[in-house]
PDB file of all heavy atoms in Angstrom:
ATOM      1  N   SER A   1       0.807  -1.213   0.012  1.00  0.00           N
ATOM      2  CA  SER A   1      -0.075   0.004  -0.021  1.00  0.00           C
ATOM      3  C   SER A   1       0.866   1.281  -0.062  1.00  0.00           C
ATOM      4  O   SER A   1       0.506   2.290  -0.525  1.00  0.00           O
ATOM      5  CB  SER A   1      -0.947   0.005   1.202  1.00  0.00           C
ATOM      6  OG  SER A   1      -0.196  -0.083   2.412  1.00  0.00           O
ATOM      7  N   GLY A   2       2.050   1.167   0.567  1.00  0.00           N
ATOM      8  CA  GLY A   2       2.938   2.284   0.598  1.00  0.00           C
ATOM      9  C   GLY A   2       3.773   2.420  -0.689  1.00  0.00           C
ATOM     10  O   GLY A   2       4.549   3.380  -0.796  1.00  0.00           O
ATOM     11  N   GLY A   3       3.688   1.506  -1.581  1.00  0.00           N
ATOM     12  CA  GLY A   3       4.355   1.592  -2.904  1.00  0.00           C
ATOM     13  C   GLY A   3       5.671   0.834  -2.947  1.00  0.00           C
ATOM     14  O   GLY A   3       6.392   0.773  -3.929  1.00  0.00           O
ATOM     15  N   SER A   4       5.989   0.187  -1.757  1.00  0.00           N
ATOM     16  CA  SER A   4       7.229  -0.603  -1.781  1.00  0.00           C
ATOM     17  C   SER A   4       6.992  -1.860  -2.676  1.00  0.00           C
ATOM     18  O   SER A   4       5.927  -2.397  -2.746  1.00  0.00           O
ATOM     19  CB  SER A   4       7.606  -1.114  -0.362  1.00  0.00           C
ATOM     20  OG  SER A   4       7.876   0.035   0.385  1.00  0.00           O
ATOM     21  N   THR A   5       8.094  -2.329  -3.322  1.00  0.00           N
ATOM     22  CA  THR A   5       8.049  -3.446  -4.184  1.00  0.00           C
ATOM     23  C   THR A   5       9.031  -4.482  -3.733  1.00  0.00           C
ATOM     24  O   THR A   5      10.116  -4.180  -3.266  1.00  0.00           O
ATOM     25  CB  THR A   5       8.283  -3.085  -5.610  1.00  0.00           C
ATOM     26  OG1 THR A   5       9.513  -2.447  -5.697  1.00  0.00           O
ATOM     27  CG2 THR A   5       7.180  -2.141  -6.206  1.00  0.00           C
ATOM     28  N   ASN A   6       8.647  -5.826  -4.000  1.00  0.00           N
ATOM     29  CA  ASN A   6       9.623  -6.878  -3.715  1.00  0.00           C
ATOM     30  C   ASN A   6       9.451  -7.867  -4.818  1.00  0.00           C
ATOM     31  O   ASN A   6       8.374  -7.963  -5.466  1.00  0.00           O
ATOM     32  CB  ASN A   6       9.180  -7.590  -2.349  1.00  0.00           C
ATOM     33  CG  ASN A   6       9.505  -6.753  -1.204  1.00  0.00           C
ATOM     34  OD1 ASN A   6      10.646  -6.536  -0.794  1.00  0.00           O
ATOM     35  ND2 ASN A   6       8.465  -6.160  -0.583  1.00  0.00           N
ATOM     36  N   TYR A   7      10.566  -8.494  -5.181  1.00  0.00           N
ATOM     37  CA  TYR A   7      10.619  -9.390  -6.280  1.00  0.00           C
ATOM     38  C   TYR A   7      11.332 -10.762  -5.880  1.00  0.00           C
ATOM     39  O   TYR A   7      12.254 -10.768  -5.039  1.00  0.00           O
ATOM     40  CB  TYR A   7      11.413  -8.780  -7.420  1.00  0.00           C
ATOM     41  CG  TYR A   7      10.813  -7.504  -7.931  1.00  0.00           C
ATOM     42  CD1 TYR A   7      11.203  -6.320  -7.384  1.00  0.00           C
ATOM     43  CD2 TYR A   7       9.808  -7.519  -8.842  1.00  0.00           C
ATOM     44  CE1 TYR A   7      10.641  -5.113  -7.825  1.00  0.00           C
ATOM     45  CE2 TYR A   7       9.179  -6.362  -9.325  1.00  0.00           C
ATOM     46  CZ  TYR A   7       9.623  -5.113  -8.824  1.00  0.00           C
ATOM     47  OH  TYR A   7       9.066  -3.984  -9.276  1.00  0.00           O
ATOM     48  N   ALA A   8      10.934 -11.786  -6.608  1.00  0.00           N
ATOM     49  CA  ALA A   8      11.667 -13.007  -6.533  1.00  0.00           C
ATOM     50  C   ALA A   8      13.026 -12.825  -7.082  1.00  0.00           C
ATOM     51  O   ALA A   8      13.266 -12.045  -8.052  1.00  0.00           O
ATOM     52  CB  ALA A   8      10.960 -14.180  -7.265  1.00  0.00           C
ATOM     53  N   ASP A   9      14.128 -13.476  -6.526  1.00  0.00           N
ATOM     54  CA  ASP A   9      15.447 -13.277  -7.012  1.00  0.00           C
ATOM     55  C   ASP A   9      15.530 -13.575  -8.452  1.00  0.00           C
ATOM     56  O   ASP A   9      16.340 -12.922  -9.165  1.00  0.00           O
ATOM     57  CB  ASP A   9      16.352 -14.202  -6.174  1.00  0.00           C
ATOM     58  CG  ASP A   9      16.605 -13.790  -4.714  1.00  0.00           C
ATOM     59  OD1 ASP A   9      16.299 -12.672  -4.453  1.00  0.00           O
ATOM     60  OD2 ASP A   9      17.021 -14.624  -3.965  1.00  0.00           O
ATOM     61  N   SER A  10      14.740 -14.501  -8.929  1.00  0.00           N
ATOM     62  CA  SER A  10      14.878 -14.934 -10.412  1.00  0.00           C
ATOM     63  C   SER A  10      14.405 -13.841 -11.378  1.00  0.00           C
ATOM     64  O   SER A  10      14.697 -13.940 -12.543  1.00  0.00           O
ATOM     65  CB  SER A  10      14.087 -16.233 -10.539  1.00  0.00           C
ATOM     66  OG  SER A  10      12.688 -16.004 -10.266  1.00  0.00           O
ATOM     67  N   VAL A  11      13.682 -12.857 -10.895  1.00  0.00           N
ATOM     68  CA  VAL A  11      13.177 -11.844 -11.814  1.00  0.00           C
ATOM     69  C   VAL A  11      13.722 -10.424 -11.442  1.00  0.00           C
ATOM     70  O   VAL A  11      13.401  -9.523 -12.211  1.00  0.00           O
ATOM     71  CB  VAL A  11      11.596 -11.847 -11.834  1.00  0.00           C
ATOM     72  CG1 VAL A  11      11.095 -13.232 -12.115  1.00  0.00           C
ATOM     73  CG2 VAL A  11      11.003 -11.232 -10.578  1.00  0.00           C
ATOM     74  N   LYS A  12      14.469 -10.305 -10.387  1.00  0.00           N
ATOM     75  CA  LYS A  12      14.972  -9.008 -10.019  1.00  0.00           C
ATOM     76  C   LYS A  12      15.770  -8.369 -11.117  1.00  0.00           C
ATOM     77  O   LYS A  12      16.598  -9.044 -11.785  1.00  0.00           O
ATOM     78  CB  LYS A  12      15.866  -9.102  -8.747  1.00  0.00           C
ATOM     79  CG  LYS A  12      15.073  -9.140  -7.462  1.00  0.00           C
ATOM     80  CD  LYS A  12      16.044  -9.222  -6.226  1.00  0.00           C
ATOM     81  CE  LYS A  12      15.295  -9.362  -4.983  1.00  0.00           C
ATOM     82  NZ  LYS A  12      16.146  -9.608  -3.781  1.00  0.00           N
ATOM     83  N   GLY A  13      15.569  -7.069 -11.416  1.00  0.00           N
ATOM     84  CA  GLY A  13      16.237  -6.334 -12.426  1.00  0.00           C
ATOM     85  C   GLY A  13      15.664  -6.571 -13.794  1.00  0.00           C
ATOM     86  O   GLY A  13      16.050  -5.877 -14.779  1.00  0.00           O
ATOM     87  N   ARG A  14      14.616  -7.455 -13.953  1.00  0.00           N
ATOM     88  CA  ARG A  14      14.004  -7.726 -15.213  1.00  0.00           C
ATOM     89  C   ARG A  14      12.504  -7.345 -15.206  1.00  0.00           C
ATOM     90  O   ARG A  14      11.976  -6.961 -16.193  1.00  0.00           O
ATOM     91  CB  ARG A  14      14.225  -9.163 -15.642  1.00  0.00           C
ATOM     92  CG  ARG A  14      15.608  -9.585 -15.768  1.00  0.00           C
ATOM     93  CD  ARG A  14      15.779 -10.968 -16.382  1.00  0.00           C
ATOM     94  NE  ARG A  14      15.154 -12.035 -15.573  1.00  0.00           N
ATOM     95  CZ  ARG A  14      14.175 -12.766 -15.956  1.00  0.00           C
ATOM     96  NH1 ARG A  14      13.672 -12.703 -17.235  1.00  0.00           N
ATOM     97  NH2 ARG A  14      13.662 -13.769 -15.101  1.00  0.00           N
ATOM     98  N   PHE A  15      11.864  -7.609 -14.034  1.00  0.00           N
ATOM     99  CA  PHE A  15      10.447  -7.403 -13.952  1.00  0.00           C
ATOM    100  C   PHE A  15      10.180  -6.239 -13.045  1.00  0.00           C
ATOM    101  O   PHE A  15      10.898  -5.953 -12.058  1.00  0.00           O
ATOM    102  CB  PHE A  15       9.754  -8.603 -13.255  1.00  0.00           C
ATOM    103  CG  PHE A  15       9.669  -9.898 -14.129  1.00  0.00           C
ATOM    104  CD1 PHE A  15      10.387  -9.983 -15.379  1.00  0.00           C
ATOM    105  CD2 PHE A  15       8.887 -10.879 -13.755  1.00  0.00           C
ATOM    106  CE1 PHE A  15      10.346 -11.099 -16.093  1.00  0.00           C
ATOM    107  CE2 PHE A  15       8.806 -12.049 -14.532  1.00  0.00           C
ATOM    108  CZ  PHE A  15       9.509 -12.196 -15.635  1.00  0.00           C
ATOM    109  N   THR A  16       9.071  -5.475 -13.358  1.00  0.00           N
ATOM    110  CA  THR A  16       8.656  -4.330 -12.581  1.00  0.00           C
ATOM    111  C   THR A  16       7.155  -4.393 -12.360  1.00  0.00           C
ATOM    112  O   THR A  16       6.372  -4.500 -13.315  1.00  0.00           O
ATOM    113  CB  THR A  16       9.036  -3.031 -13.281  1.00  0.00           C
ATOM    114  OG1 THR A  16      10.456  -2.983 -13.524  1.00  0.00           O
ATOM    115  CG2 THR A  16       8.656  -1.850 -12.373  1.00  0.00           C
ATOM    116  N   ILE A  17       6.771  -4.364 -11.058  1.00  0.00           N
ATOM    117  CA  ILE A  17       5.357  -4.254 -10.742  1.00  0.00           C
ATOM    118  C   ILE A  17       4.965  -2.817 -10.463  1.00  0.00           C
ATOM    119  O   ILE A  17       5.769  -2.085  -9.876  1.00  0.00           O
ATOM    120  CB  ILE A  17       5.047  -5.155  -9.509  1.00  0.00           C
ATOM    121  CG1 ILE A  17       3.499  -5.216  -9.268  1.00  0.00           C
ATOM    122  CG2 ILE A  17       5.761  -4.692  -8.210  1.00  0.00           C
ATOM    123  CD1 ILE A  17       3.146  -6.240  -8.198  1.00  0.00           C
ATOM    124  N   SER A  18       3.824  -2.437 -10.993  1.00  0.00           N
ATOM    125  CA  SER A  18       3.283  -1.081 -10.774  1.00  0.00           C
ATOM    126  C   SER A  18       1.815  -1.061 -10.750  1.00  0.00           C
ATOM    127  O   SER A  18       1.189  -2.161 -10.978  1.00  0.00           O
ATOM    128  CB  SER A  18       3.853  -0.160 -11.858  1.00  0.00           C
ATOM    129  OG  SER A  18       3.346  -0.561 -13.119  1.00  0.00           O
ATOM    130  N   ARG A  19       1.223   0.128 -10.564  1.00  0.00           N
ATOM    131  CA  ARG A  19      -0.284   0.107 -10.436  1.00  0.00           C
ATOM    132  C   ARG A  19      -0.747   1.540 -10.898  1.00  0.00           C
ATOM    133  O   ARG A  19      -0.032   2.506 -10.845  1.00  0.00           O
ATOM    134  CB  ARG A  19      -0.776  -0.154  -9.018  1.00  0.00           C
ATOM    135  CG  ARG A  19      -0.381   0.860  -8.006  1.00  0.00           C
ATOM    136  CD  ARG A  19      -0.883   0.448  -6.602  1.00  0.00           C
ATOM    137  NE  ARG A  19      -0.275   1.265  -5.623  1.00  0.00           N
ATOM    138  CZ  ARG A  19       0.100   0.911  -4.435  1.00  0.00           C
ATOM    139  NH1 ARG A  19      -0.064  -0.399  -4.033  1.00  0.00           N
ATOM    140  NH2 ARG A  19       0.636   1.726  -3.531  1.00  0.00           N
ATOM    141  N   ASP A  20      -1.969   1.483 -11.287  1.00  0.00           N
ATOM    142  CA  ASP A  20      -2.688   2.759 -11.664  1.00  0.00           C
ATOM    143  C   ASP A  20      -3.984   2.755 -10.761  1.00  0.00           C
ATOM    144  O   ASP A  20      -4.933   2.085 -11.165  1.00  0.00           O
ATOM    145  CB  ASP A  20      -2.990   2.801 -13.197  1.00  0.00           C
ATOM    146  CG  ASP A  20      -3.600   4.102 -13.585  1.00  0.00           C
ATOM    147  OD1 ASP A  20      -4.325   4.718 -12.795  1.00  0.00           O
ATOM    148  OD2 ASP A  20      -3.439   4.518 -14.803  1.00  0.00           O
ATOM    149  N   ASN A  21      -3.966   3.580  -9.774  1.00  0.00           N
ATOM    150  CA  ASN A  21      -5.134   3.557  -8.869  1.00  0.00           C
ATOM    151  C   ASN A  21      -6.380   4.010  -9.543  1.00  0.00           C
ATOM    152  O   ASN A  21      -7.436   3.553  -9.303  1.00  0.00           O
ATOM    153  CB  ASN A  21      -4.841   4.445  -7.631  1.00  0.00           C
ATOM    154  CG  ASN A  21      -3.704   3.813  -6.736  1.00  0.00           C
ATOM    155  OD1 ASN A  21      -3.536   2.619  -6.827  1.00  0.00           O
ATOM    156  ND2 ASN A  21      -3.123   4.645  -5.937  1.00  0.00           N
ATOM    157  N   ALA A  22      -6.241   4.997 -10.509  1.00  0.00           N
ATOM    158  CA  ALA A  22      -7.418   5.513 -11.160  1.00  0.00           C
ATOM    159  C   ALA A  22      -8.080   4.462 -12.026  1.00  0.00           C
ATOM    160  O   ALA A  22      -9.315   4.470 -12.144  1.00  0.00           O
ATOM    161  CB  ALA A  22      -7.001   6.753 -12.022  1.00  0.00           C
ATOM    162  N   LYS A  23      -7.268   3.560 -12.571  1.00  0.00           N
ATOM    163  CA  LYS A  23      -7.820   2.496 -13.368  1.00  0.00           C
ATOM    164  C   LYS A  23      -8.016   1.221 -12.596  1.00  0.00           C
ATOM    165  O   LYS A  23      -8.556   0.222 -13.185  1.00  0.00           O
ATOM    166  CB  LYS A  23      -6.867   2.208 -14.548  1.00  0.00           C
ATOM    167  CG  LYS A  23      -6.716   3.370 -15.531  1.00  0.00           C
ATOM    168  CD  LYS A  23      -5.799   3.000 -16.728  1.00  0.00           C
ATOM    169  CE  LYS A  23      -5.746   4.102 -17.733  1.00  0.00           C
ATOM    170  NZ  LYS A  23      -4.839   3.802 -18.846  1.00  0.00           N
ATOM    171  N   ASN A  24      -7.662   1.250 -11.303  1.00  0.00           N
ATOM    172  CA  ASN A  24      -7.738   0.045 -10.420  1.00  0.00           C
ATOM    173  C   ASN A  24      -7.085  -1.143 -11.155  1.00  0.00           C
ATOM    174  O   ASN A  24      -7.656  -2.256 -11.157  1.00  0.00           O
ATOM    175  CB  ASN A  24      -9.157  -0.236 -10.071  1.00  0.00           C
ATOM    176  CG  ASN A  24      -9.313  -0.849  -8.714  1.00  0.00           C
ATOM    177  OD1 ASN A  24      -8.419  -0.692  -7.786  1.00  0.00           O
ATOM    178  ND2 ASN A  24     -10.324  -1.663  -8.470  1.00  0.00           N
ATOM    179  N   THR A  25      -5.848  -0.916 -11.624  1.00  0.00           N
ATOM    180  CA  THR A  25      -5.147  -1.982 -12.403  1.00  0.00           C
ATOM    181  C   THR A  25      -3.714  -2.008 -11.921  1.00  0.00           C
ATOM    182  O   THR A  25      -3.123  -0.975 -11.587  1.00  0.00           O
ATOM    183  CB  THR A  25      -5.212  -1.565 -13.862  1.00  0.00           C
ATOM    184  OG1 THR A  25      -6.647  -1.525 -14.337  1.00  0.00           O
ATOM    185  CG2 THR A  25      -4.466  -2.612 -14.720  1.00  0.00           C
ATOM    186  N   VAL A  26      -3.278  -3.212 -11.810  1.00  0.00           N
ATOM    187  CA  VAL A  26      -1.867  -3.454 -11.425  1.00  0.00           C
ATOM    188  C   VAL A  26      -1.143  -4.128 -12.650  1.00  0.00           C
ATOM    189  O   VAL A  26      -1.843  -4.829 -13.449  1.00  0.00           O
ATOM    190  CB  VAL A  26      -1.728  -4.377 -10.255  1.00  0.00           C
ATOM    191  CG1 VAL A  26      -2.293  -5.722 -10.437  1.00  0.00           C
ATOM    192  CG2 VAL A  26      -0.321  -4.384  -9.723  1.00  0.00           C
ATOM    193  N   TYR A  27       0.099  -3.803 -12.908  1.00  0.00           N
ATOM    194  CA  TYR A  27       0.790  -4.256 -14.062  1.00  0.00           C
ATOM    195  C   TYR A  27       2.053  -5.009 -13.649  1.00  0.00           C
ATOM    196  O   TYR A  27       2.607  -4.922 -12.496  1.00  0.00           O
ATOM    197  CB  TYR A  27       1.274  -3.066 -14.937  1.00  0.00           C
ATOM    198  CG  TYR A  27       0.125  -2.143 -15.326  1.00  0.00           C
ATOM    199  CD1 TYR A  27      -0.130  -0.988 -14.612  1.00  0.00           C
ATOM    200  CD2 TYR A  27      -0.639  -2.442 -16.401  1.00  0.00           C
ATOM    201  CE1 TYR A  27      -1.149  -0.143 -14.960  1.00  0.00           C
ATOM    202  CE2 TYR A  27      -1.640  -1.622 -16.832  1.00  0.00           C
ATOM    203  CZ  TYR A  27      -1.943  -0.470 -16.096  1.00  0.00           C
ATOM    204  OH  TYR A  27      -2.993   0.320 -16.452  1.00  0.00           O
ATOM    205  N   LEU A  28       2.483  -5.852 -14.563  1.00  0.00           N
ATOM    206  CA  LEU A  28       3.753  -6.573 -14.396  1.00  0.00           C
ATOM    207  C   LEU A  28       4.522  -6.370 -15.728  1.00  0.00           C
ATOM    208  O   LEU A  28       4.178  -6.949 -16.722  1.00  0.00           O
ATOM    209  CB  LEU A  28       3.658  -8.005 -14.044  1.00  0.00           C
ATOM    210  CG  LEU A  28       4.961  -8.700 -13.740  1.00  0.00           C
ATOM    211  CD1 LEU A  28       5.562  -8.115 -12.429  1.00  0.00           C
ATOM    212  CD2 LEU A  28       4.746 -10.160 -13.579  1.00  0.00           C
ATOM    213  N   GLN A  29       5.495  -5.463 -15.770  1.00  0.00           N
ATOM    214  CA  GLN A  29       6.356  -5.303 -16.991  1.00  0.00           C
ATOM    215  C   GLN A  29       7.480  -6.269 -16.897  1.00  0.00           C
ATOM    216  O   GLN A  29       8.231  -6.338 -15.900  1.00  0.00           O
ATOM    217  CB  GLN A  29       6.909  -3.855 -16.964  1.00  0.00           C
ATOM    218  CG  GLN A  29       7.882  -3.591 -18.157  1.00  0.00           C
ATOM    219  CD  GLN A  29       7.164  -3.627 -19.505  1.00  0.00           C
ATOM    220  OE1 GLN A  29       6.095  -3.116 -19.597  1.00  0.00           O
ATOM    221  NE2 GLN A  29       7.785  -4.297 -20.452  1.00  0.00           N
ATOM    222  N   MET A  30       7.555  -7.151 -17.891  1.00  0.00           N
ATOM    223  CA  MET A  30       8.551  -8.200 -17.928  1.00  0.00           C
ATOM    224  C   MET A  30       9.521  -7.967 -19.139  1.00  0.00           C
ATOM    225  O   MET A  30       9.118  -7.954 -20.265  1.00  0.00           O
ATOM    226  CB  MET A  30       7.846  -9.570 -18.056  1.00  0.00           C
ATOM    227  CG  MET A  30       6.871  -9.778 -16.971  1.00  0.00           C
ATOM    228  SD  MET A  30       6.084 -11.477 -17.110  1.00  0.00           S
ATOM    229  CE  MET A  30       5.276 -11.400 -18.664  1.00  0.00           C
TER     230      MET A  30
END
């Protein structure tokens, strides 16, 4: 809820999680 992110070691540096509250949508950029 504070915007902190955590990743599995296998995807660190390659994947990014983000969200758009206005669209009530979460994303995973891979």
